[in-house]
Amino acid sequence: MRCQICGYEEAERRCPRCGRWACRHDWAGEHCAACEATLCRICRQNFSISTCIVCGRPVCEKCSVRRGLGRICINCLGASN
């Protein structure tokens, strides 16, 4: 079976989050590279839903607060108080 991310290399592992088969080049620790790229940079547990309007990090709903049309992460929110 080919890697479902690059489509070229032989797949070696199945991602526990999304179920994609990934090759050794598209494996990032505990998840495939696609899931790793979309994880929240604060908690690293949930998928991100937006980026922080201050620092630009991908954040999940739990780790951010809506501000107007955007979201601000809890770290930047704490720093501004």
Protein backbone atom coordinates (compact mmCIF):
# COMPACT_ATOMS: atom_id res chain seq x y z
CA MET A 1 0.00 0.00 0.00
CA ARG A 2 1.25 3.49 -0.87
CA CYS A 3 1.42 6.38 1.55
CA GLN A 4 -1.86 8.32 1.53
CA ILE A 5 -0.02 11.59 2.05
CA CYS A 6 2.78 11.58 -0.53
CA GLY A 7 1.29 8.86 -2.74
CA TYR A 8 4.75 7.59 -3.63
CA GLU A 9 6.50 5.74 -0.81
CA GLU A 10 5.39 2.46 0.73
CA ALA A 11 3.15 3.04 3.76
CA GLU A 12 4.48 1.69 7.05
CA ARG A 13 2.11 2.97 9.75
CA ARG A 14 -1.55 3.84 10.19
CA CYS A 15 -2.29 7.13 11.95
CA PRO A 16 -4.32 6.59 15.13
CA ARG A 17 -6.06 9.97 14.67
CA CYS A 18 -7.21 9.97 11.07
CA GLY A 19 -6.58 6.43 9.87
CA ARG A 20 -4.33 7.43 6.95
CA TRP A 21 -1.51 5.12 5.98
CA ALA A 22 1.82 6.99 6.04
CA CYS A 23 5.39 6.30 4.95
CA ARG A 24 8.40 6.90 7.18
CA HIS A 25 8.90 10.37 5.68
CA ASP A 26 5.34 11.44 6.48
CA TRP A 27 5.35 10.17 10.06
CA ALA A 28 5.74 12.77 12.82
CA GLY A 29 6.15 11.08 16.19
CA GLU A 30 2.73 9.79 17.21
CA HIS A 31 0.73 10.90 14.15
CA CYS A 32 0.98 11.30 10.42
CA ALA A 33 2.44 14.58 9.15
CA ALA A 34 -0.99 15.82 8.04
CA CYS A 35 -2.45 15.46 11.55
CA GLU A 36 0.68 16.88 13.16
CA ALA A 37 0.42 20.01 10.98
CA THR A 38 -3.17 20.62 12.06
CA LEU A 39 -2.86 20.00 15.82
CA CYS A 40 -3.37 22.87 18.23
CA ARG A 41 0.03 24.34 19.17
CA ILE A 42 -1.08 24.98 22.75
CA CYS A 43 -2.52 21.64 23.95
CA ARG A 44 -1.30 19.40 21.08
CA GLN A 45 -4.38 17.23 21.66
CA ASN A 46 -7.16 18.72 19.54
CA PHE A 47 -7.25 19.71 15.89
CA SER A 48 -6.95 23.44 15.27
CA ILE A 49 -9.97 25.39 14.09
CA SER A 50 -8.26 28.72 13.49
CA THR A 51 -5.04 30.65 13.98
CA CYS A 52 -4.37 33.15 16.74
CA ILE A 53 -4.73 36.72 15.45
CA VAL A 54 -1.74 37.79 17.58
CA CYS A 55 0.91 35.05 17.25
CA GLY A 56 -0.44 33.11 14.26
CA ARG A 57 -0.27 29.66 15.88
CA PRO A 58 -2.94 27.10 14.96
CA VAL A 59 -5.29 26.77 17.96
CA CYS A 60 -8.29 24.66 18.96
CA GLU A 61 -11.56 25.98 20.36
CA LYS A 62 -10.58 25.00 23.93
CA CYS A 63 -7.30 26.94 23.80
CA SER A 64 -8.63 30.13 22.22
CA VAL A 65 -11.26 32.82 22.63
CA ARG A 66 -13.22 34.44 19.83
CA ARG A 67 -12.38 38.12 19.28
CA GLY A 68 -14.46 39.70 16.53
CA LEU A 69 -14.01 37.61 13.40
CA GLY A 70 -10.83 35.93 14.68
CA ARG A 71 -9.55 33.98 17.65
CA ILE A 72 -6.82 34.76 20.21
CA CYS A 73 -4.95 31.95 21.98
CA ILE A 74 -5.02 31.69 25.76
CA ASN A 75 -1.27 32.45 25.92
CA CYS A 76 -1.61 35.75 24.05
CA LEU A 77 -4.80 36.55 25.95
CA GLY A 78 -2.94 36.07 29.25
CA ALA A 79 -0.03 38.21 28.08
CA SER A 80 -2.32 41.13 27.17
CA ASN A 81 -4.00 41.25 30.60
